[in-house]
Amino acid sequence: MPKRVDHEQRRRLIADAVCRIAADRGLEAVSLGEVAAEAGISKGLVQHYFPGKDAMLRYATGTLRDWVENRLRTEFADGPTDLRAALIALLPFKDESRTEALVANAFVVRALKDPEIANRFRVGHTQLRDAVAAMITAAQADGRLHPKLDPLQETDLLLALVAGLGEAVLLGHRTPAEVISLVDHHLSRLLP
């Protein structure tokens, strides 16, 4: 009887290899051969699933989003969290979140030239923005944040703050303790 192959599992194996290479050496290092070697499969098998680098990269952006969602789901398995914990979870302090940030940064430049990748980033950002805005609205409703704040405006500012501080951590310009202090400082300005 022929062996049953899980094609989606193979695509994910390849996409995971793309993301590991991107985190370690950047997208410039991604090639069919490098991905095959990283995934432990033949170059022909990679080509069977992805005819070229563009297709691999586009698919891999979904894998990145899955990584982030799974990590956050695991970290916050006990239910909704507070705004501070959510923001800190987005920062590249741990190995997993650092890898995710490196991969995301590698893809940002590619997204500037690839509308499909740009759209995937836009969808992911919108989901994150909606989740953070909902946390702000909930915190306003129970009196933990100032009632006159505009939740979407504050969300945009907080996500920009976290993105910039995340880059500072990746580059070694700021320590996690310094970044947490800055996040706390900013959040204290939103209190009633």
N, C-alpha and C. Protein backbone atom coordinates (compact mmCIF):
# COMPACT_ATOMS: atom_id res chain seq x y z
N MET A 1 0.85 -1.18 0.00
CA MET A 1 0.00 0.00 0.00
C MET A 1 0.89 1.25 0.00
N PRO A 2 0.57 2.23 -0.84
CA PRO A 2 1.40 3.44 -0.90
C PRO A 2 1.36 4.22 0.42
N LYS A 3 2.48 4.86 0.69
CA LYS A 3 2.61 5.67 1.90
C LYS A 3 1.72 6.91 1.78
N ARG A 4 0.98 7.19 2.83
CA ARG A 4 0.12 8.37 2.84
C ARG A 4 0.94 9.58 3.28
N VAL A 5 0.90 10.63 2.49
CA VAL A 5 1.71 11.82 2.76
C VAL A 5 0.80 12.97 3.18
N ASP A 6 1.17 13.64 4.24
CA ASP A 6 0.46 14.83 4.70
C ASP A 6 1.13 16.02 4.02
N HIS A 7 0.51 16.49 2.94
CA HIS A 7 1.12 17.56 2.14
C HIS A 7 1.23 18.88 2.92
N GLU A 8 0.23 19.15 3.74
CA GLU A 8 0.29 20.38 4.54
C GLU A 8 1.44 20.31 5.55
N GLN A 9 1.65 19.14 6.12
CA GLN A 9 2.76 18.97 7.06
C GLN A 9 4.10 19.19 6.35
N ARG A 10 4.22 18.73 5.13
CA ARG A 10 5.46 18.96 4.36
C ARG A 10 5.66 20.44 4.06
N ARG A 11 4.60 21.12 3.68
CA ARG A 11 4.71 22.56 3.42
C ARG A 11 5.17 23.29 4.69
N ARG A 12 4.61 22.89 5.82
CA ARG A 12 4.99 23.53 7.10
C ARG A 12 6.44 23.23 7.45
N LEU A 13 6.88 22.02 7.19
CA LEU A 13 8.28 21.65 7.42
C LEU A 13 9.20 22.58 6.62
N ILE A 14 8.83 22.81 5.38
CA ILE A 14 9.62 23.68 4.50
C ILE A 14 9.54 25.13 5.00
N ALA A 15 8.34 25.59 5.35
CA ALA A 15 8.18 26.96 5.81
C ALA A 15 8.93 27.20 7.12
N ASP A 16 8.91 26.21 8.01
CA ASP A 16 9.68 26.35 9.26
C ASP A 16 11.17 26.50 8.96
N ALA A 17 11.65 25.74 7.97
CA ALA A 17 13.06 25.85 7.58
C ALA A 17 13.35 27.24 7.03
N VAL A 18 12.44 27.77 6.22
CA VAL A 18 12.60 29.13 5.68
C VAL A 18 12.73 30.12 6.84
N CYS A 19 11.85 30.00 7.83
CA CYS A 19 11.86 30.94 8.96
C CYS A 19 13.14 30.81 9.79
N ARG A 20 13.62 29.59 10.00
CA ARG A 20 14.86 29.41 10.75
C ARG A 20 16.04 30.05 10.02
N ILE A 21 16.10 29.88 8.71
CA ILE A 21 17.17 30.51 7.92
C ILE A 21 17.04 32.02 7.98
N ALA A 22 15.81 32.52 7.83
CA ALA A 22 15.58 33.97 7.86
C ALA A 22 16.02 34.56 9.19
N ALA A 23 15.72 33.87 10.29
CA ALA A 23 16.10 34.36 11.62
C ALA A 23 17.61 34.35 11.80
N ASP A 24 18.26 33.34 11.25
CA ASP A 24 19.70 33.18 11.45
C ASP A 24 20.55 33.99 10.48
N ARG A 25 20.13 34.00 9.19
CA ARG A 25 20.98 34.62 8.16
C ARG A 25 20.25 35.60 7.25
N GLY A 26 18.97 35.83 7.46
CA GLY A 26 18.22 36.75 6.62
C GLY A 26 17.65 36.08 5.38
N LEU A 27 16.75 36.78 4.72
CA LEU A 27 16.10 36.22 3.53
C LEU A 27 17.06 36.03 2.36
N GLU A 28 18.17 36.77 2.37
CA GLU A 28 19.15 36.62 1.29
C GLU A 28 19.68 35.19 1.24
N ALA A 29 19.72 34.54 2.37
CA ALA A 29 20.26 33.18 2.46
C ALA A 29 19.24 32.11 2.09
N VAL A 30 17.99 32.50 1.91
CA VAL A 30 16.96 31.52 1.56
C VAL A 30 17.06 31.17 0.08
N SER A 31 17.26 29.90 -0.17
CA SER A 31 17.25 29.36 -1.54
C SER A 31 16.65 27.97 -1.46
N LEU A 32 16.28 27.42 -2.59
CA LEU A 32 15.70 26.07 -2.58
C LEU A 32 16.67 25.07 -1.96
N GLY A 33 17.94 25.18 -2.31
CA GLY A 33 18.94 24.27 -1.79
C GLY A 33 19.17 24.43 -0.29
N GLU A 34 19.27 25.67 0.16
CA GLU A 34 19.48 25.92 1.60
C GLU A 34 18.28 25.44 2.42
N VAL A 35 17.09 25.69 1.89
CA VAL A 35 15.88 25.27 2.60
C VAL A 35 15.81 23.74 2.65
N ALA A 36 16.14 23.10 1.55
CA ALA A 36 16.14 21.63 1.52
C ALA A 36 17.10 21.08 2.57
N ALA A 37 18.28 21.64 2.64
CA ALA A 37 19.28 21.18 3.61
C ALA A 37 18.79 21.42 5.04
N GLU A 38 18.23 22.58 5.31
CA GLU A 38 17.73 22.91 6.65
C GLU A 38 16.57 22.00 7.05
N ALA A 39 15.72 21.67 6.09
CA ALA A 39 14.55 20.83 6.37
C ALA A 39 14.89 19.34 6.37
N GLY A 40 16.08 19.00 5.85
CA GLY A 40 16.47 17.59 5.79
C GLY A 40 15.75 16.81 4.72
N ILE A 41 15.43 17.50 3.62
CA ILE A 41 14.76 16.84 2.50
C ILE A 41 15.47 17.21 1.21
N SER A 42 15.04 16.63 0.11
CA SER A 42 15.70 16.91 -1.17
C SER A 42 15.21 18.23 -1.76
N LYS A 43 16.06 18.81 -2.58
CA LYS A 43 15.71 20.05 -3.28
C LYS A 43 14.50 19.81 -4.20
N GLY A 44 14.45 18.62 -4.79
CA GLY A 44 13.32 18.27 -5.65
C GLY A 44 12.00 18.27 -4.91
N LEU A 45 12.03 17.81 -3.66
CA LEU A 45 10.81 17.80 -2.85
C LEU A 45 10.37 19.24 -2.53
N VAL A 46 11.34 20.10 -2.24
CA VAL A 46 11.00 21.51 -2.00
C VAL A 46 10.34 22.08 -3.25
N GLN A 47 10.91 21.80 -4.42
CA GLN A 47 10.37 22.32 -5.68
C GLN A 47 8.99 21.73 -5.99
N HIS A 48 8.75 20.52 -5.52
CA HIS A 48 7.43 19.91 -5.73
C HIS A 48 6.35 20.75 -5.06
N TYR A 49 6.65 21.28 -3.88
CA TYR A 49 5.67 22.07 -3.14
C TYR A 49 5.71 23.56 -3.45
N PHE A 50 6.88 24.05 -3.78
CA PHE A 50 7.04 25.47 -4.07
C PHE A 50 7.89 25.63 -5.32
N PRO A 51 7.34 26.19 -6.40
CA PRO A 51 8.09 26.30 -7.64
C PRO A 51 9.27 27.28 -7.57
N GLY A 52 9.27 28.15 -6.57
CA GLY A 52 10.37 29.11 -6.45
C GLY A 52 10.38 29.78 -5.10
N LYS A 53 11.35 30.64 -4.93
CA LYS A 53 11.56 31.32 -3.65
C LYS A 53 10.37 32.18 -3.25
N ASP A 54 9.79 32.90 -4.20
CA ASP A 54 8.65 33.77 -3.87
C ASP A 54 7.51 32.99 -3.24
N ALA A 55 7.16 31.86 -3.81
CA ALA A 55 6.07 31.05 -3.28
C ALA A 55 6.40 30.55 -1.87
N MET A 56 7.64 30.15 -1.66
CA MET A 56 8.06 29.70 -0.33
C MET A 56 7.93 30.82 0.69
N LEU A 57 8.41 31.99 0.33
CA LEU A 57 8.38 33.12 1.25
C LEU A 57 6.95 33.53 1.59
N ARG A 58 6.09 33.54 0.59
CA ARG A 58 4.70 33.91 0.83
C ARG A 58 4.04 32.93 1.79
N TYR A 59 4.28 31.67 1.59
CA TYR A 59 3.70 30.66 2.47
C TYR A 59 4.30 30.78 3.88
N ALA A 60 5.57 31.05 3.96
CA ALA A 60 6.26 31.11 5.26
C ALA A 60 5.73 32.24 6.13
N THR A 61 5.19 33.30 5.55
CA THR A 61 4.64 34.38 6.37
C THR A 61 3.47 33.87 7.22
N GLY A 62 2.72 32.93 6.69
CA GLY A 62 1.64 32.31 7.48
C GLY A 62 2.19 31.51 8.64
N THR A 63 3.32 30.85 8.42
CA THR A 63 3.96 30.08 9.49
C THR A 63 4.40 31.01 10.60
N LEU A 64 4.96 32.15 10.24
CA LEU A 64 5.38 33.12 11.25
C LEU A 64 4.19 33.54 12.11
N ARG A 65 3.08 33.86 11.46
CA ARG A 65 1.90 34.28 12.22
C ARG A 65 1.43 33.15 13.14
N ASP A 66 1.46 31.92 12.65
CA ASP A 66 1.09 30.77 13.49
C ASP A 66 2.00 30.65 14.70
N TRP A 67 3.31 30.84 14.50
CA TRP A 67 4.26 30.78 15.61
C TRP A 67 3.87 31.77 16.70
N VAL A 68 3.61 33.01 16.29
CA VAL A 68 3.28 34.07 17.26
C VAL A 68 1.97 33.75 17.96
N GLU A 69 0.95 33.38 17.19
CA GLU A 69 -0.35 33.08 17.78
C GLU A 69 -0.26 31.91 18.76
N ASN A 70 0.46 30.87 18.39
CA ASN A 70 0.60 29.71 19.27
C ASN A 70 1.35 30.06 20.55
N ARG A 71 2.40 30.86 20.42
CA ARG A 71 3.15 31.27 21.61
C ARG A 71 2.27 32.10 22.55
N LEU A 72 1.56 33.06 21.99
CA LEU A 72 0.71 33.91 22.82
C LEU A 72 -0.44 33.11 23.44
N ARG A 73 -1.00 32.19 22.67
CA ARG A 73 -2.07 31.34 23.20
C ARG A 73 -1.56 30.51 24.37
N THR A 74 -0.33 30.01 24.26
CA THR A 74 0.27 29.22 25.34
C THR A 74 0.57 30.09 26.55
N GLU A 75 1.16 31.26 26.31
CA GLU A 75 1.50 32.16 27.43
C GLU A 75 0.28 32.63 28.19
N PHE A 76 -0.83 32.81 27.47
CA PHE A 76 -2.04 33.33 28.09
C PHE A 76 -3.16 32.30 28.09
N ALA A 77 -2.81 31.06 28.34
CA ALA A 77 -3.77 29.95 28.32
C ALA A 77 -4.85 30.11 29.39
N ASP A 78 -4.56 30.86 30.43
CA ASP A 78 -5.52 31.01 31.53
C ASP A 78 -6.59 32.06 31.22
N GLY A 79 -6.58 32.60 30.03
CA GLY A 79 -7.62 33.55 29.65
C GLY A 79 -7.04 34.93 29.36
N PRO A 80 -7.92 35.91 29.23
CA PRO A 80 -7.48 37.27 28.88
C PRO A 80 -6.46 37.79 29.89
N THR A 81 -5.59 38.60 29.38
CA THR A 81 -4.54 39.15 30.22
C THR A 81 -4.67 40.66 30.27
N ASP A 82 -3.84 41.27 31.07
CA ASP A 82 -3.87 42.72 31.11
C ASP A 82 -3.00 43.28 30.00
N LEU A 83 -3.19 44.55 29.76
CA LEU A 83 -2.52 45.24 28.67
C LEU A 83 -1.00 45.18 28.80
N ARG A 84 -0.49 45.42 29.99
CA ARG A 84 0.96 45.41 30.22
C ARG A 84 1.56 44.04 29.85
N ALA A 85 0.95 42.97 30.34
CA ALA A 85 1.47 41.63 30.05
C ALA A 85 1.45 41.34 28.55
N ALA A 86 0.40 41.77 27.88
CA ALA A 86 0.31 41.55 26.44
C ALA A 86 1.42 42.30 25.69
N LEU A 87 1.66 43.54 26.07
CA LEU A 87 2.70 44.33 25.41
C LEU A 87 4.08 43.72 25.64
N ILE A 88 4.34 43.30 26.86
CA ILE A 88 5.64 42.71 27.18
C ILE A 88 5.82 41.38 26.43
N ALA A 89 4.73 40.64 26.25
CA ALA A 89 4.81 39.37 25.50
C ALA A 89 5.19 39.59 24.04
N LEU A 90 4.94 40.78 23.52
CA LEU A 90 5.29 41.09 22.13
C LEU A 90 6.77 41.44 21.96
N LEU A 91 7.45 41.69 23.05
CA LEU A 91 8.85 42.10 22.99
C LEU A 91 9.78 40.89 22.88
N PRO A 92 10.90 41.04 22.19
CA PRO A 92 11.81 39.91 21.94
C PRO A 92 12.76 39.61 23.10
N PHE A 93 12.17 39.20 24.23
CA PHE A 93 12.98 38.92 25.42
C PHE A 93 13.39 37.45 25.51
N LYS A 94 12.55 36.56 25.04
CA LYS A 94 12.82 35.13 25.12
C LYS A 94 13.27 34.61 23.76
N ASP A 95 13.82 33.43 23.74
CA ASP A 95 14.31 32.86 22.48
C ASP A 95 13.24 32.82 21.40
N GLU A 96 12.05 32.35 21.76
CA GLU A 96 10.98 32.24 20.76
C GLU A 96 10.58 33.60 20.20
N SER A 97 10.35 34.56 21.08
CA SER A 97 9.90 35.88 20.62
C SER A 97 11.03 36.60 19.88
N ARG A 98 12.27 36.33 20.26
CA ARG A 98 13.40 36.92 19.53
C ARG A 98 13.47 36.36 18.11
N THR A 99 13.31 35.05 17.97
CA THR A 99 13.31 34.44 16.63
C THR A 99 12.17 35.00 15.79
N GLU A 100 10.99 35.11 16.38
CA GLU A 100 9.84 35.66 15.65
C GLU A 100 10.13 37.08 15.18
N ALA A 101 10.72 37.88 16.04
CA ALA A 101 11.03 39.27 15.67
C ALA A 101 12.07 39.33 14.56
N LEU A 102 13.07 38.48 14.63
CA LEU A 102 14.09 38.45 13.57
C LEU A 102 13.48 38.05 12.23
N VAL A 103 12.61 37.06 12.25
CA VAL A 103 11.95 36.62 11.01
C VAL A 103 11.05 37.73 10.49
N ALA A 104 10.26 38.33 11.35
CA ALA A 104 9.37 39.42 10.92
C ALA A 104 10.17 40.56 10.31
N ASN A 105 11.26 40.95 10.96
CA ASN A 105 12.08 42.03 10.41
C ASN A 105 12.68 41.66 9.07
N ALA A 106 13.05 40.40 8.90
CA ALA A 106 13.58 39.96 7.60
C ALA A 106 12.52 40.09 6.52
N PHE A 107 11.28 39.82 6.87
CA PHE A 107 10.20 39.87 5.88
C PHE A 107 9.70 41.28 5.59
N VAL A 108 9.93 42.22 6.49
CA VAL A 108 9.42 43.58 6.29
C VAL A 108 9.94 44.18 4.99
N VAL A 109 11.21 44.05 4.73
CA VAL A 109 11.77 44.61 3.51
C VAL A 109 11.16 43.94 2.29
N ARG A 110 10.96 42.64 2.36
CA ARG A 110 10.34 41.90 1.26
C ARG A 110 8.90 42.37 1.04
N ALA A 111 8.20 42.68 2.14
CA ALA A 111 6.82 43.13 2.05
C ALA A 111 6.69 44.44 1.28
N LEU A 112 7.74 45.25 1.30
CA LEU A 112 7.69 46.52 0.58
C LEU A 112 7.57 46.32 -0.93
N LYS A 113 8.02 45.17 -1.41
CA LYS A 113 8.01 44.89 -2.85
C LYS A 113 7.02 43.78 -3.24
N ASP A 114 6.43 43.12 -2.25
CA ASP A 114 5.54 41.99 -2.53
C ASP A 114 4.17 42.27 -1.91
N PRO A 115 3.18 42.62 -2.72
CA PRO A 115 1.86 42.98 -2.19
C PRO A 115 1.20 41.86 -1.38
N GLU A 116 1.43 40.60 -1.73
CA GLU A 116 0.82 39.50 -0.98
C GLU A 116 1.39 39.41 0.43
N ILE A 117 2.70 39.54 0.54
CA ILE A 117 3.32 39.51 1.87
C ILE A 117 2.90 40.76 2.66
N ALA A 118 2.86 41.91 1.99
CA ALA A 118 2.42 43.14 2.65
C ALA A 118 1.00 42.98 3.18
N ASN A 119 0.13 42.35 2.41
CA ASN A 119 -1.24 42.16 2.85
C ASN A 119 -1.30 41.24 4.07
N ARG A 120 -0.48 40.19 4.09
CA ARG A 120 -0.47 39.30 5.25
C ARG A 120 -0.03 40.05 6.51
N PHE A 121 0.96 40.94 6.36
CA PHE A 121 1.38 41.75 7.50
C PHE A 121 0.25 42.68 7.93
N ARG A 122 -0.44 43.25 6.95
CA ARG A 122 -1.55 44.17 7.25
C ARG A 122 -2.66 43.44 8.02
N VAL A 123 -3.02 42.25 7.58
CA VAL A 123 -4.06 41.47 8.26
C VAL A 123 -3.63 41.14 9.69
N GLY A 124 -2.40 40.69 9.85
CA GLY A 124 -1.89 40.37 11.19
C GLY A 124 -1.87 41.59 12.09
N HIS A 125 -1.46 42.73 11.54
CA HIS A 125 -1.41 43.96 12.33
C HIS A 125 -2.82 44.39 12.74
N THR A 126 -3.77 44.25 11.83
CA THR A 126 -5.15 44.62 12.15
C THR A 126 -5.69 43.74 13.27
N GLN A 127 -5.40 42.45 13.24
CA GLN A 127 -5.86 41.56 14.30
C GLN A 127 -5.24 41.95 15.65
N LEU A 128 -3.95 42.25 15.63
CA LEU A 128 -3.27 42.66 16.86
C LEU A 128 -3.83 43.99 17.35
N ARG A 129 -4.03 44.92 16.44
CA ARG A 129 -4.57 46.24 16.80
C ARG A 129 -5.95 46.09 17.44
N ASP A 130 -6.78 45.26 16.86
CA ASP A 130 -8.13 45.06 17.41
C ASP A 130 -8.06 44.45 18.81
N ALA A 131 -7.15 43.50 19.01
CA ALA A 131 -7.03 42.84 20.32
C ALA A 131 -6.56 43.82 21.39
N VAL A 132 -5.56 44.65 21.06
CA VAL A 132 -5.05 45.62 22.03
C VAL A 132 -6.10 46.70 22.30
N ALA A 133 -6.78 47.15 21.27
CA ALA A 133 -7.83 48.16 21.47
C ALA A 133 -8.93 47.61 22.38
N ALA A 134 -9.26 46.34 22.23
CA ALA A 134 -10.28 45.72 23.09
C ALA A 134 -9.79 45.69 24.54
N MET A 135 -8.51 45.43 24.75
CA MET A 135 -7.95 45.44 26.12
C MET A 135 -8.04 46.83 26.72
N ILE A 136 -7.75 47.84 25.92
CA ILE A 136 -7.82 49.22 26.41
C ILE A 136 -9.27 49.57 26.76
N THR A 137 -10.19 49.22 25.89
CA THR A 137 -11.61 49.49 26.14
C THR A 137 -12.08 48.81 27.42
N ALA A 138 -11.68 47.55 27.61
CA ALA A 138 -12.06 46.81 28.83
C ALA A 138 -11.45 47.46 30.07
N ALA A 139 -10.20 47.90 29.96
CA ALA A 139 -9.54 48.56 31.09
C ALA A 139 -10.19 49.90 31.41
N GLN A 140 -10.69 50.58 30.39
CA GLN A 140 -11.42 51.83 30.63
C GLN A 140 -12.74 51.54 31.34
N ALA A 141 -13.42 50.48 30.89
CA ALA A 141 -14.73 50.15 31.45
C ALA A 141 -14.66 49.80 32.93
N ASP A 142 -13.55 49.17 33.35
CA ASP A 142 -13.45 48.83 34.77
C ASP A 142 -12.60 49.81 35.57
N GLY A 143 -12.30 50.96 34.96
CA GLY A 143 -11.65 52.04 35.69
C GLY A 143 -10.15 51.97 35.80
N ARG A 144 -9.50 51.02 35.13
CA ARG A 144 -8.04 50.91 35.23
C ARG A 144 -7.31 51.90 34.32
N LEU A 145 -7.97 52.38 33.28
CA LEU A 145 -7.38 53.39 32.38
C LEU A 145 -8.32 54.57 32.27
N HIS A 146 -7.74 55.72 31.94
CA HIS A 146 -8.50 56.96 31.82
C HIS A 146 -9.66 56.77 30.83
N PRO A 147 -10.86 57.20 31.22
CA PRO A 147 -12.02 56.97 30.37
C PRO A 147 -12.05 57.78 29.07
N LYS A 148 -11.30 58.85 29.01
CA LYS A 148 -11.37 59.72 27.82
C LYS A 148 -10.33 59.36 26.75
N LEU A 149 -9.57 58.30 26.96
CA LEU A 149 -8.60 57.89 25.95
C LEU A 149 -9.31 57.38 24.70
N ASP A 150 -8.71 57.63 23.56
CA ASP A 150 -9.20 57.04 22.32
C ASP A 150 -8.50 55.68 22.17
N PRO A 151 -9.22 54.57 22.31
CA PRO A 151 -8.58 53.25 22.31
C PRO A 151 -7.75 52.96 21.05
N LEU A 152 -8.23 53.34 19.89
CA LEU A 152 -7.46 53.05 18.67
C LEU A 152 -6.21 53.92 18.59
N GLN A 153 -6.31 55.16 18.98
CA GLN A 153 -5.14 56.04 18.97
C GLN A 153 -4.10 55.53 19.96
N GLU A 154 -4.53 55.18 21.15
CA GLU A 154 -3.59 54.65 22.15
C GLU A 154 -2.98 53.33 21.69
N THR A 155 -3.79 52.50 21.04
CA THR A 155 -3.27 51.24 20.51
C THR A 155 -2.17 51.49 19.50
N ASP A 156 -2.40 52.40 18.58
CA ASP A 156 -1.38 52.71 17.57
C ASP A 156 -0.09 53.20 18.23
N LEU A 157 -0.22 54.05 19.23
CA LEU A 157 0.97 54.55 19.92
C LEU A 157 1.68 53.42 20.68
N LEU A 158 0.92 52.57 21.36
CA LEU A 158 1.54 51.47 22.11
C LEU A 158 2.23 50.47 21.19
N LEU A 159 1.60 50.15 20.07
CA LEU A 159 2.23 49.19 19.15
C LEU A 159 3.48 49.78 18.51
N ALA A 160 3.46 51.09 18.23
CA ALA A 160 4.66 51.74 17.71
C ALA A 160 5.77 51.74 18.76
N LEU A 161 5.39 52.01 20.00
CA LEU A 161 6.36 51.99 21.10
C LEU A 161 6.99 50.61 21.23
N VAL A 162 6.18 49.57 21.24
CA VAL A 162 6.68 48.21 21.39
C VAL A 162 7.55 47.81 20.20
N ALA A 163 7.15 48.20 19.00
CA ALA A 163 7.96 47.87 17.82
C ALA A 163 9.33 48.53 17.90
N GLY A 164 9.36 49.80 18.24
CA GLY A 164 10.63 50.50 18.35
C GLY A 164 11.50 49.96 19.47
N LEU A 165 10.90 49.69 20.62
CA LEU A 165 11.67 49.14 21.73
C LEU A 165 12.15 47.72 21.42
N GLY A 166 11.34 46.97 20.69
CA GLY A 166 11.75 45.63 20.29
C GLY A 166 12.99 45.67 19.42
N GLU A 167 13.03 46.61 18.49
CA GLU A 167 14.22 46.77 17.64
C GLU A 167 15.43 47.16 18.49
N ALA A 168 15.22 48.02 19.47
CA ALA A 168 16.32 48.43 20.34
C ALA A 168 16.88 47.25 21.12
N VAL A 169 16.01 46.34 21.55
CA VAL A 169 16.47 45.13 22.24
C VAL A 169 17.25 44.23 21.28
N LEU A 170 16.70 44.02 20.08
CA LEU A 170 17.39 43.17 19.10
C LEU A 170 18.78 43.69 18.78
N LEU A 171 18.91 45.00 18.69
CA LEU A 171 20.20 45.61 18.34
C LEU A 171 21.12 45.76 19.54
N GLY A 172 20.61 45.47 20.73
CA GLY A 172 21.43 45.58 21.93
C GLY A 172 21.53 46.99 22.48
N HIS A 173 20.66 47.88 22.01
CA HIS A 173 20.69 49.27 22.48
C HIS A 173 19.99 49.44 23.83
N ARG A 174 19.08 48.52 24.14
CA ARG A 174 18.34 48.57 25.40
C ARG A 174 18.27 47.18 26.00
N THR A 175 18.27 47.12 27.31
CA THR A 175 18.11 45.86 28.01
C THR A 175 16.61 45.61 28.21
N PRO A 176 16.23 44.37 28.46
CA PRO A 176 14.82 44.11 28.77
C PRO A 176 14.32 44.94 29.96
N ALA A 177 15.14 45.09 30.98
CA ALA A 177 14.72 45.88 32.15
C ALA A 177 14.46 47.33 31.77
N GLU A 178 15.33 47.91 30.93
CA GLU A 178 15.12 49.29 30.50
C GLU A 178 13.83 49.42 29.69
N VAL A 179 13.59 48.45 28.84
CA VAL A 179 12.40 48.49 27.99
C VAL A 179 11.13 48.35 28.83
N ILE A 180 11.14 47.43 29.78
CA ILE A 180 9.97 47.27 30.65
C ILE A 180 9.71 48.56 31.43
N SER A 181 10.76 49.20 31.88
CA SER A 181 10.61 50.47 32.59
C SER A 181 9.96 51.53 31.70
N LEU A 182 10.36 51.58 30.43
CA LEU A 182 9.77 52.54 29.50
C LEU A 182 8.31 52.22 29.21
N VAL A 183 7.98 50.95 29.05
CA VAL A 183 6.58 50.56 28.84
C VAL A 183 5.76 50.96 30.07
N ASP A 184 6.27 50.67 31.26
CA ASP A 184 5.56 51.03 32.49
C ASP A 184 5.37 52.54 32.60
N HIS A 185 6.41 53.28 32.25
CA HIS A 185 6.32 54.75 32.28
C HIS A 185 5.21 55.23 31.37
N HIS A 186 5.17 54.70 30.17
CA HIS A 186 4.14 55.14 29.22
C HIS A 186 2.75 54.73 29.73
N LEU A 187 2.61 53.52 30.20
CA LEU A 187 1.29 53.07 30.69
C LEU A 187 0.82 53.90 31.88
N SER A 188 1.76 54.35 32.71
CA SER A 188 1.36 55.16 33.86
C SER A 188 0.71 56.46 33.43
N ARG A 189 1.00 56.92 32.24
CA ARG A 189 0.40 58.16 31.73
C ARG A 189 -1.05 57.97 31.30
N LEU A 190 -1.48 56.70 31.19
CA LEU A 190 -2.84 56.40 30.75
C LEU A 190 -3.80 56.15 31.91
N LEU A 191 -3.26 56.19 33.13
CA LEU A 191 -4.08 55.92 34.30
C LEU A 191 -5.06 57.06 34.57
N PRO A 192 -6.19 56.73 35.22
CA PRO A 192 -7.18 57.79 35.50
C PRO A 192 -6.68 58.75 36.56
